[in-house]
Amino acid sequence: MLSSQHTSPRKRLKTSRLWLRSTSNYPTAECFILCRTALEAVERGLLPHERLRPIIVKLTRSAHSYCGRASWTERHTGIVRHPDTHQRVKDTVYWERILVRIGPPSLFPRQAQYPLFKDMPEMEFRTYREAMVAVTAHEIAHTLGYSGRKSGEERCEYVALDALDYYRKHQAAIDAEIDAVLAAQRQREAAKIATMSPEAKDANKLAAAEAHLKRWKRKLTLATGKVRSYTSAVRRLSKGQRMSMQAIITELAQAATPPQ
C-alpha cells in the first residue's frame, strides 16, 4: 500500500467538517475515509454540552508506529449557509488542527497504551488503519477541551478505544468503500497513462483530423449551395439592370429625335 517514493507532495481533501492535509505515503483517499470514520465516532459520543469545530488533520509519515499532537486553531474565511435564510454567505470559520503520524504497515500489529501515565486503557492496533482511526480520534477529543493531564488523556484514550470499536464494527463497509475508491483511482490513472502512449496520441490526432475534415466538408457543401444561389441572383439582377438601361437609352433617343 505504501508508495516506493521517499517523498510525496502534499495532498488535500476537504469537506465542511473535515480537512485532510497529507504528506503520508498512504493513499490520500484511504486516509480521508479513515479520518472521517474517527470523526464520526467522536461525534457519536459527544456529551450534550460539547460542540465540535471542523477538524484539520495534518497527516505525516513516521519512523515509529504512531504519534499524535493537538491542537491549533486556524481561522479561515469561507462560504457557509445562513441558518435562517439558507443563503450562502461569506463567514469566518475556525478549524481545529491536529497532527497525526502513522508508520509503515510493517510496524503493526502493536499493543498500545499511553506511556506517560499508569493504569491507562490498553488496546491493540492490528493494522495501520486501526492506528490511524484511534490516534485521530484521540487528538480530536483534545479539541473538546480535554487536557494533557492524566484525567484528560484518559478520557481521550477511551474516545480512541470507542473509535476503534466503531471501526471494527463497520470495518467491512469501510474497507469496501476504500477498495472501491482506490480501484476507481487506479482505473483513472491507467486510462491517463494509456492516453499518453504514442499509439494513443496518434489515434487522438487521427480522430481530431477526421472531425476537422467532416466539419469542413459540411462547410464546403453549404458554401457551394450559397455560391450557386448568389450566382443566379447576380445573373438575374444583372440581366434586369441591362434591360432597364436599354429601355432608358431608347427613351432618351426618342426624345432627342426632332419631330417630322
Protein backbone atom coordinates (compact mmCIF):
# COMPACT_ATOMS: atom_id res chain seq x y z
CA MET A 1 0.00 0.00 0.00
CA LEU A 2 2.91 2.34 0.61
CA SER A 3 4.46 4.24 -2.24
CA SER A 4 8.03 3.41 -3.18
CA GLN A 5 8.96 7.09 -3.19
CA HIS A 6 10.71 8.57 -0.15
CA THR A 7 8.95 11.91 -0.52
CA SER A 8 5.46 12.75 -1.62
CA PRO A 9 3.76 16.04 -2.47
CA ARG A 10 1.16 17.49 -0.16
CA LYS A 11 -2.29 16.14 -0.94
CA ARG A 12 -5.54 17.58 0.35
CA LEU A 13 -9.17 16.56 0.63
CA LYS A 14 -11.76 18.78 2.24
CA THR A 15 -15.40 18.89 3.31
CA SER A 16 -17.19 21.33 5.58
CA ARG A 17 -16.34 19.18 8.62
CA LEU A 18 -13.01 17.57 7.79
CA TRP A 19 -9.90 18.87 6.02
CA LEU A 20 -7.08 16.39 5.41
CA ARG A 21 -3.57 17.62 4.62
CA SER A 22 -1.42 14.62 3.93
CA THR A 23 2.26 14.09 3.26
CA SER A 24 1.90 10.42 4.11
CA ASN A 25 2.79 7.62 1.73
CA TYR A 26 -0.63 6.11 2.27
CA PRO A 27 -3.26 6.95 -0.40
CA THR A 28 -4.94 10.22 0.47
CA ALA A 29 -8.45 8.95 -0.32
CA GLU A 30 -7.95 6.00 2.02
CA CYS A 31 -6.67 8.24 4.82
CA PHE A 32 -9.59 10.63 4.39
CA ILE A 33 -12.12 7.82 4.85
CA LEU A 34 -10.31 6.60 7.97
CA CYS A 35 -10.10 10.10 9.46
CA ARG A 36 -13.78 10.62 8.64
CA THR A 37 -14.54 7.39 10.47
CA ALA A 38 -12.69 8.69 13.54
CA LEU A 39 -14.61 11.97 13.38
CA GLU A 40 -17.93 10.16 13.08
CA ALA A 41 -17.08 8.02 16.11
CA VAL A 42 -16.21 11.08 18.20
CA GLU A 43 -19.40 12.86 17.15
CA ARG A 44 -21.48 9.87 18.21
CA GLY A 45 -20.05 10.08 21.73
CA LEU A 46 -20.38 13.83 22.30
CA LEU A 47 -21.97 14.95 25.54
CA PRO A 48 -24.94 17.36 25.32
CA HIS A 49 -22.81 20.40 26.18
CA GLU A 50 -19.92 19.54 23.85
CA ARG A 51 -19.57 21.17 20.43
CA LEU A 52 -17.06 20.01 17.87
CA ARG A 53 -15.50 22.50 15.47
CA PRO A 54 -14.40 21.49 11.95
CA ILE A 55 -11.20 19.48 12.08
CA ILE A 56 -7.96 19.79 10.09
CA VAL A 57 -5.88 16.61 10.18
CA LYS A 58 -2.23 17.05 9.29
CA LEU A 59 -1.14 13.51 8.44
CA THR A 60 2.54 12.67 8.04
CA ARG A 61 4.90 9.71 7.90
CA SER A 62 6.69 8.39 10.97
CA ALA A 63 9.62 6.12 11.75
CA HIS A 64 7.62 4.90 14.73
CA SER A 65 4.28 3.13 14.65
CA TYR A 66 2.16 6.14 15.60
CA CYS A 67 2.19 9.54 17.24
CA GLY A 68 -0.18 12.47 17.62
CA ARG A 69 -0.45 16.02 18.83
CA ALA A 70 -3.25 18.53 19.31
CA SER A 71 -4.25 21.23 18.72
CA TRP A 72 -4.04 24.60 16.98
CA THR A 73 -6.86 26.86 15.89
CA GLU A 74 -6.82 28.15 12.31
CA ARG A 75 -9.03 30.98 11.12
CA HIS A 76 -10.31 30.73 7.55
CA THR A 77 -12.81 32.77 5.58
CA GLY A 78 -15.26 30.61 3.71
CA ILE A 79 -18.76 30.33 2.29
CA VAL A 80 -21.42 28.99 4.67
CA ARG A 81 -25.19 28.63 4.57
CA HIS A 82 -27.08 31.09 6.77
CA PRO A 83 -29.20 29.17 9.33
CA ASP A 84 -32.26 31.42 8.86
CA THR A 85 -32.27 32.40 5.19
CA HIS A 86 -30.33 29.33 3.97
CA GLN A 87 -28.45 31.61 1.59
CA ARG A 88 -24.73 31.15 1.01
CA VAL A 89 -22.79 33.95 2.70
CA LYS A 90 -19.15 34.66 3.46
CA ASP A 91 -18.19 33.96 7.04
CA THR A 92 -15.17 33.22 9.25
CA VAL A 93 -14.73 29.54 10.10
CA TYR A 94 -12.47 28.35 12.90
CA TRP A 95 -10.81 25.00 12.32
CA GLU A 96 -9.12 22.88 15.00
CA ARG A 97 -5.91 21.44 13.60
CA ILE A 98 -4.36 18.20 14.87
CA LEU A 99 -1.22 16.30 13.93
CA VAL A 100 -1.24 12.54 13.29
CA ARG A 101 1.82 10.47 12.41
CA ILE A 102 1.44 6.85 11.24
CA GLY A 103 4.33 4.49 10.49
CA PRO A 104 4.60 1.80 7.81
CA PRO A 105 2.45 -1.37 7.83
CA SER A 106 5.42 -3.48 8.93
CA LEU A 107 5.16 -1.97 12.44
CA PHE A 108 1.73 -3.49 13.03
CA PRO A 109 0.11 -5.24 14.86
CA ARG A 110 1.12 -3.43 18.02
CA GLN A 111 -0.03 -3.19 21.62
CA ALA A 112 -0.87 0.40 22.51
CA GLN A 113 -1.02 2.12 25.89
CA TYR A 114 -0.44 5.77 26.79
CA PRO A 115 3.17 5.82 28.02
CA LEU A 116 3.30 8.82 30.39
CA PHE A 117 0.76 7.66 32.98
CA LYS A 118 -0.02 4.38 34.72
CA ASP A 119 -3.31 2.49 34.66
CA MET A 120 -4.30 3.77 31.21
CA PRO A 121 -6.61 1.81 28.85
CA GLU A 122 -4.90 -0.88 26.79
CA MET A 123 -5.71 -1.56 23.16
CA GLU A 124 -4.24 -3.36 20.16
CA PHE A 125 -3.69 -1.83 16.75
CA ARG A 126 -3.87 -4.77 14.40
CA THR A 127 -3.22 -2.66 11.30
CA TYR A 128 -2.15 0.87 10.39
CA ARG A 129 -5.79 1.61 9.59
CA GLU A 130 -6.83 0.91 13.15
CA ALA A 131 -3.96 3.07 14.42
CA MET A 132 -4.97 5.94 12.15
CA VAL A 133 -8.59 5.83 13.34
CA ALA A 134 -7.70 5.58 17.04
CA VAL A 135 -4.94 8.23 17.07
CA THR A 136 -7.07 10.65 15.06
CA ALA A 137 -9.99 10.18 17.45
CA HIS A 138 -7.68 10.71 20.47
CA GLU A 139 -6.41 14.02 19.09
CA ILE A 140 -9.88 15.18 18.03
CA ALA A 141 -11.01 14.59 21.61
CA HIS A 142 -8.37 17.07 22.79
CA THR A 143 -10.07 19.79 20.73
CA LEU A 144 -13.09 19.40 23.02
CA GLY A 145 -11.00 20.74 25.88
CA TYR A 146 -9.66 17.51 27.36
CA SER A 147 -6.35 18.42 28.98
CA GLY A 148 -2.93 16.83 28.67
CA ARG A 149 -3.04 15.70 32.29
CA LYS A 150 -3.87 12.14 33.25
CA SER A 151 -7.62 12.76 33.53
CA GLY A 152 -7.76 14.39 30.10
CA GLU A 153 -5.51 11.86 28.42
CA GLU A 154 -7.52 9.03 29.93
CA ARG A 155 -10.74 10.45 28.51
CA CYS A 156 -9.07 10.79 25.10
CA GLU A 157 -7.90 7.19 25.30
CA TYR A 158 -11.42 6.00 25.94
CA VAL A 159 -12.59 8.05 22.97
CA ALA A 160 -9.89 6.34 20.88
CA LEU A 161 -11.00 2.94 22.16
CA ASP A 162 -14.61 3.71 21.24
CA ALA A 163 -13.49 4.83 17.75
CA LEU A 164 -11.52 1.61 17.35
CA ASP A 165 -14.60 -0.44 18.29
CA TYR A 166 -16.70 1.66 15.88
CA TYR A 167 -14.25 0.97 13.03
CA ARG A 168 -14.15 -2.76 13.74
CA LYS A 169 -17.94 -2.92 13.88
CA HIS A 170 -18.22 -1.26 10.44
CA GLN A 171 -14.91 -2.48 9.04
CA ALA A 172 -16.39 -4.49 6.18
CA ALA A 173 -18.29 -1.49 4.80
CA ILE A 174 -15.44 0.97 5.42
CA ASP A 175 -12.79 -1.24 3.84
CA ALA A 176 -15.09 -1.93 0.89
CA GLU A 177 -15.52 1.83 0.37
CA ILE A 178 -11.74 2.30 0.48
CA ASP A 179 -11.20 -0.53 -2.00
CA ALA A 180 -13.79 0.93 -4.38
CA VAL A 181 -12.27 4.42 -4.22
CA LEU A 182 -8.73 3.12 -4.75
CA ALA A 183 -9.87 0.88 -7.62
CA ALA A 184 -11.52 3.86 -9.31
CA GLN A 185 -8.33 5.87 -8.87
CA ARG A 186 -6.24 3.09 -10.39
CA GLN A 187 -8.61 2.94 -13.37
CA ARG A 188 -8.31 6.68 -13.91
CA GLU A 189 -4.53 6.53 -13.65
CA ALA A 190 -4.38 3.58 -16.08
CA ALA A 191 -6.62 5.44 -18.54
CA LYS A 192 -4.43 8.53 -18.21
CA ILE A 193 -1.28 6.52 -18.85
CA ALA A 194 -2.92 4.83 -21.84
CA THR A 195 -3.76 8.20 -23.37
CA MET A 196 -0.10 9.22 -23.11
CA SER A 197 1.25 6.33 -25.25
CA PRO A 198 2.45 7.13 -28.85
CA GLU A 199 -0.28 4.96 -30.32
CA ALA A 200 -2.96 6.75 -28.31
CA LYS A 201 -1.59 10.15 -29.28
CA ASP A 202 -1.62 9.16 -32.98
CA ALA A 203 -5.16 7.84 -32.63
CA ASN A 204 -6.25 11.10 -30.99
CA LYS A 205 -4.62 13.12 -33.77
CA LEU A 206 -6.35 10.96 -36.41
CA ALA A 207 -9.72 11.37 -34.72
CA ALA A 208 -9.21 15.13 -34.50
CA ALA A 209 -8.20 15.34 -38.17
CA GLU A 210 -11.27 13.31 -39.21
CA ALA A 211 -13.52 15.59 -37.15
CA HIS A 212 -11.99 18.70 -38.77
CA LEU A 213 -12.35 17.16 -42.23
CA LYS A 214 -16.01 16.31 -41.60
CA ARG A 215 -16.71 19.82 -40.33
CA TRP A 216 -15.03 21.50 -43.32
CA LYS A 217 -16.85 19.22 -45.74
CA ARG A 218 -20.13 20.41 -44.24
CA LYS A 219 -18.95 23.99 -44.64
CA LEU A 220 -17.92 23.28 -48.26
CA THR A 221 -21.37 21.88 -49.06
CA LEU A 222 -23.00 24.93 -47.54
CA ALA A 223 -20.63 27.28 -49.35
CA THR A 224 -21.25 25.55 -52.70
CA GLY A 225 -25.00 25.99 -52.32
CA LYS A 226 -24.58 29.64 -51.37
CA VAL A 227 -22.34 30.25 -54.40
CA ARG A 228 -24.96 28.76 -56.76
CA SER A 229 -27.71 30.80 -55.15
CA TYR A 230 -25.87 34.10 -55.27
CA THR A 231 -24.59 33.43 -58.82
CA SER A 232 -28.15 33.01 -60.02
CA ALA A 233 -29.20 36.16 -58.18
CA VAL A 234 -26.35 38.15 -59.70
CA ARG A 235 -27.21 36.93 -63.23
CA ARG A 236 -30.90 37.69 -62.77
CA LEU A 237 -30.29 41.13 -61.34
CA SER A 238 -27.65 41.93 -63.94
CA LYS A 239 -30.00 40.95 -66.79
CA GLY A 240 -32.80 43.05 -65.36
CA GLN A 241 -30.43 46.00 -64.91
CA ARG A 242 -29.25 45.71 -68.54
CA MET A 243 -32.84 45.65 -69.81
CA SER A 244 -33.68 48.72 -67.74
CA MET A 245 -30.68 50.59 -69.08
CA GLN A 246 -31.62 49.67 -72.66
CA ALA A 247 -35.14 50.99 -72.14
CA ILE A 248 -33.79 54.25 -70.71
CA ILE A 249 -31.43 54.69 -73.69
CA THR A 250 -34.28 54.07 -76.14
CA GLU A 251 -36.49 56.63 -74.45
CA LEU A 252 -33.69 59.21 -74.44
CA ALA A 253 -33.01 58.57 -78.14
CA GLN A 254 -36.69 59.03 -78.99
CA ALA A 255 -36.84 62.24 -77.01
CA ALA A 256 -33.79 63.61 -78.77
CA THR A 257 -35.18 62.90 -82.28
CA PRO A 258 -36.92 66.04 -83.71
CA PRO A 259 -40.47 65.58 -84.84
CA GLN A 260 -41.07 65.23 -88.60
